[in-house]
Amino acid sequence: MDHVLEDVPVGEEMQIIALLEKRGYSGEGATKEEKQKFAAYPEQGTVAKVEEFFDQYVAFSQERQAPVFCGEFGCFAPFADHEDRVNWYTIVTNLLEERGIARTSWDYYGGFGPFSMDRFKLRKAGEEFKLSFPDDLDMDIIKALGLNCDLK
């Protein structure tokens, strides 16, 4: 049985919808289109739908004997809890890996990146700051992306 992944949103709009749903938002004040997307989330926000999405590119690749590349994917930290981000990156990384689809995460330094989001929360508006490598890496995200975690 396919079940809804309330902590694994699909796409940026779905991330927002999942977060709103998790926080008890009922759709009050939303546009018609936003309400439709919110209502569709239980059906659209599943691993099966993500698999279906990737499988269409696998079919394209096989039909044309051409490789495919996922040029960007990610989970925007301001719209997701840490655990949700780890789940999303783990699931998407595994699905892409299983299908032989090369990938890159979007982005490196900003809200999609593999760095601890605590640094972003502590930053004051307009204040410049620098991330420290590897000290500020979020090792849970690094592992979820299937990257080497041995930084000795």
Protein backbone atom coordinates (compact mmCIF):
# COMPACT_ATOMS: atom_id res chain seq x y z
CA MET A 1 0.00 0.00 0.00
CA ASP A 2 1.30 3.42 -0.94
CA HIS A 3 1.07 5.88 1.91
CA VAL A 4 1.45 9.62 2.12
CA LEU A 5 4.81 10.91 3.20
CA GLU A 6 3.85 13.89 5.24
CA ASP A 7 7.52 14.61 5.85
CA VAL A 8 8.72 14.17 2.27
CA PRO A 9 7.36 16.98 0.10
CA VAL A 10 7.61 16.89 -3.70
CA GLY A 11 8.90 20.12 -5.21
CA GLU A 12 9.02 23.55 -3.60
CA GLU A 13 5.25 24.09 -3.75
CA MET A 14 4.67 20.70 -2.19
CA GLN A 15 7.22 21.50 0.51
CA ILE A 16 5.18 24.55 1.46
CA ILE A 17 1.94 22.55 1.38
CA ALA A 18 3.43 19.78 3.53
CA LEU A 19 4.67 22.28 6.07
CA LEU A 20 1.31 24.04 6.20
CA GLU A 21 -0.51 20.73 6.58
CA LYS A 22 1.85 19.63 9.33
CA ARG A 23 1.15 22.86 11.19
CA GLY A 24 -2.62 22.43 10.92
CA TYR A 25 -3.31 24.96 8.14
CA SER A 26 -6.80 24.50 6.72
CA GLY A 27 -6.43 26.47 3.48
CA GLU A 28 -8.12 29.61 4.76
CA GLY A 29 -7.14 32.61 2.62
CA ALA A 30 -5.56 30.49 -0.13
CA THR A 31 -6.27 30.94 -3.83
CA LYS A 32 -8.31 28.33 -5.71
CA GLU A 33 -5.14 26.91 -7.28
CA GLU A 34 -3.39 26.75 -3.90
CA LYS A 35 -6.38 24.95 -2.40
CA GLN A 36 -6.35 22.43 -5.27
CA LYS A 37 -2.66 21.72 -4.74
CA PHE A 38 -3.21 21.44 -0.99
CA ALA A 39 -6.08 18.99 -1.55
CA ALA A 40 -3.98 16.92 -4.01
CA TYR A 41 -1.02 16.55 -1.66
CA PRO A 42 -2.11 13.22 -0.10
CA GLU A 43 -2.13 11.72 -3.61
CA GLN A 44 0.81 13.65 -5.07
CA GLY A 45 3.14 13.66 -2.06
CA THR A 46 4.10 9.99 -2.15
CA VAL A 47 7.25 8.05 -2.94
CA ALA A 48 5.28 6.30 -5.70
CA LYS A 49 4.66 9.66 -7.42
CA VAL A 50 8.34 10.58 -7.15
CA GLU A 51 9.25 7.17 -8.61
CA GLU A 52 6.75 7.71 -11.42
CA PHE A 53 8.27 11.11 -12.12
CA PHE A 54 11.81 9.68 -12.37
CA ASP A 55 10.70 6.61 -14.33
CA GLN A 56 9.49 8.78 -17.20
CA TYR A 57 13.06 10.01 -17.63
CA VAL A 58 14.44 6.49 -17.44
CA ALA A 59 12.05 5.51 -20.25
CA PHE A 60 13.17 8.55 -22.26
CA SER A 61 16.80 7.57 -21.72
CA GLN A 62 16.22 3.96 -22.76
CA GLU A 63 14.17 4.86 -25.85
CA ARG A 64 16.81 7.28 -27.11
CA GLN A 65 19.90 5.55 -25.77
CA ALA A 66 20.87 8.84 -24.12
CA PRO A 67 21.90 9.46 -20.54
CA VAL A 68 19.82 11.70 -18.31
CA PHE A 69 21.06 13.98 -15.59
CA CYS A 70 19.16 15.50 -12.67
CA GLY A 71 20.65 18.98 -12.79
CA GLU A 72 19.24 20.07 -9.48
CA PHE A 73 17.15 18.80 -6.64
CA GLY A 74 16.84 19.85 -3.07
CA CYS A 75 14.76 20.67 -0.05
CA PHE A 76 14.65 24.32 0.96
CA ALA A 77 15.51 24.60 4.64
CA PRO A 78 13.17 27.51 5.52
CA PHE A 79 10.18 25.33 4.52
CA ALA A 80 11.26 22.04 6.08
CA ASP A 81 12.34 20.63 9.39
CA HIS A 82 15.80 19.06 9.57
CA GLU A 83 14.37 15.53 9.70
CA ASP A 84 12.19 16.26 6.65
CA ARG A 85 15.22 17.50 4.70
CA VAL A 86 17.21 14.39 5.59
CA ASN A 87 14.26 12.16 4.55
CA TRP A 88 13.83 14.01 1.26
CA TYR A 89 17.51 13.89 0.32
CA THR A 90 17.75 10.21 1.33
CA ILE A 91 14.73 9.16 -0.71
CA VAL A 92 15.56 11.19 -3.80
CA THR A 93 19.24 10.22 -3.73
CA ASN A 94 18.33 6.54 -3.45
CA LEU A 95 15.72 6.70 -6.21
CA LEU A 96 18.12 8.46 -8.58
CA GLU A 97 20.93 6.05 -7.70
CA GLU A 98 18.68 3.01 -8.26
CA ARG A 99 17.80 4.34 -11.72
CA GLY A 100 21.35 5.21 -12.70
CA ILE A 101 20.56 8.91 -12.98
CA ALA A 102 23.49 11.22 -12.26
CA ARG A 103 22.61 14.12 -10.00
CA THR A 104 23.67 17.32 -8.38
CA SER A 105 22.07 19.03 -5.42
CA TRP A 106 20.86 22.61 -5.61
CA ASP A 107 22.61 24.49 -4.06
CA TYR A 108 25.86 24.42 -2.11
CA TYR A 109 25.95 27.54 0.05
CA GLY A 110 22.34 28.68 0.41
CA GLY A 111 19.16 27.27 1.92
CA PHE A 112 19.36 24.03 -0.08
CA GLY A 113 22.98 23.36 0.83
CA PRO A 114 24.62 20.72 2.99
CA PHE A 115 25.53 23.16 5.74
CA SER A 116 23.88 23.42 9.14
CA MET A 117 20.92 25.74 8.93
CA ASP A 118 21.60 26.92 12.48
CA ARG A 119 24.16 29.29 10.97
CA PHE A 120 21.47 30.89 8.83
CA LYS A 121 19.09 31.27 11.75
CA LEU A 122 21.74 33.02 13.82
CA ARG A 123 22.65 35.50 11.09
CA LYS A 124 21.23 38.98 11.44
CA ALA A 125 19.68 40.64 8.41
CA GLY A 126 22.38 42.13 6.20
CA GLU A 127 25.20 40.74 8.31
CA GLU A 128 27.93 38.97 6.34
CA PHE A 129 29.14 35.64 7.58
CA LYS A 130 31.27 32.79 6.32
CA LEU A 131 30.71 29.10 6.66
CA SER A 132 33.54 27.01 7.97
CA PHE A 133 34.39 23.81 6.11
CA PRO A 134 34.02 21.12 7.38
CA ASP A 135 32.87 22.38 10.79
CA ASP A 136 29.53 23.74 9.56
CA LEU A 137 28.59 20.75 7.40
CA ASP A 138 25.36 19.03 8.32
CA MET A 139 26.61 15.45 8.39
CA ASP A 140 23.08 14.05 8.25
CA ILE A 141 22.54 15.82 4.92
CA ILE A 142 25.98 14.75 3.66
CA LYS A 143 25.10 11.10 4.43
CA ALA A 144 21.63 11.48 2.90
CA LEU A 145 23.25 12.71 -0.32
CA GLY A 146 25.39 9.58 -0.38
CA LEU A 147 28.61 11.54 0.02
CA ASN A 148 31.77 10.43 1.76
CA CYS A 149 31.54 11.36 5.44
CA ASP A 150 35.13 10.51 6.35
CA LEU A 151 36.71 13.96 6.75
CA LYS A 152 39.86 12.87 8.59
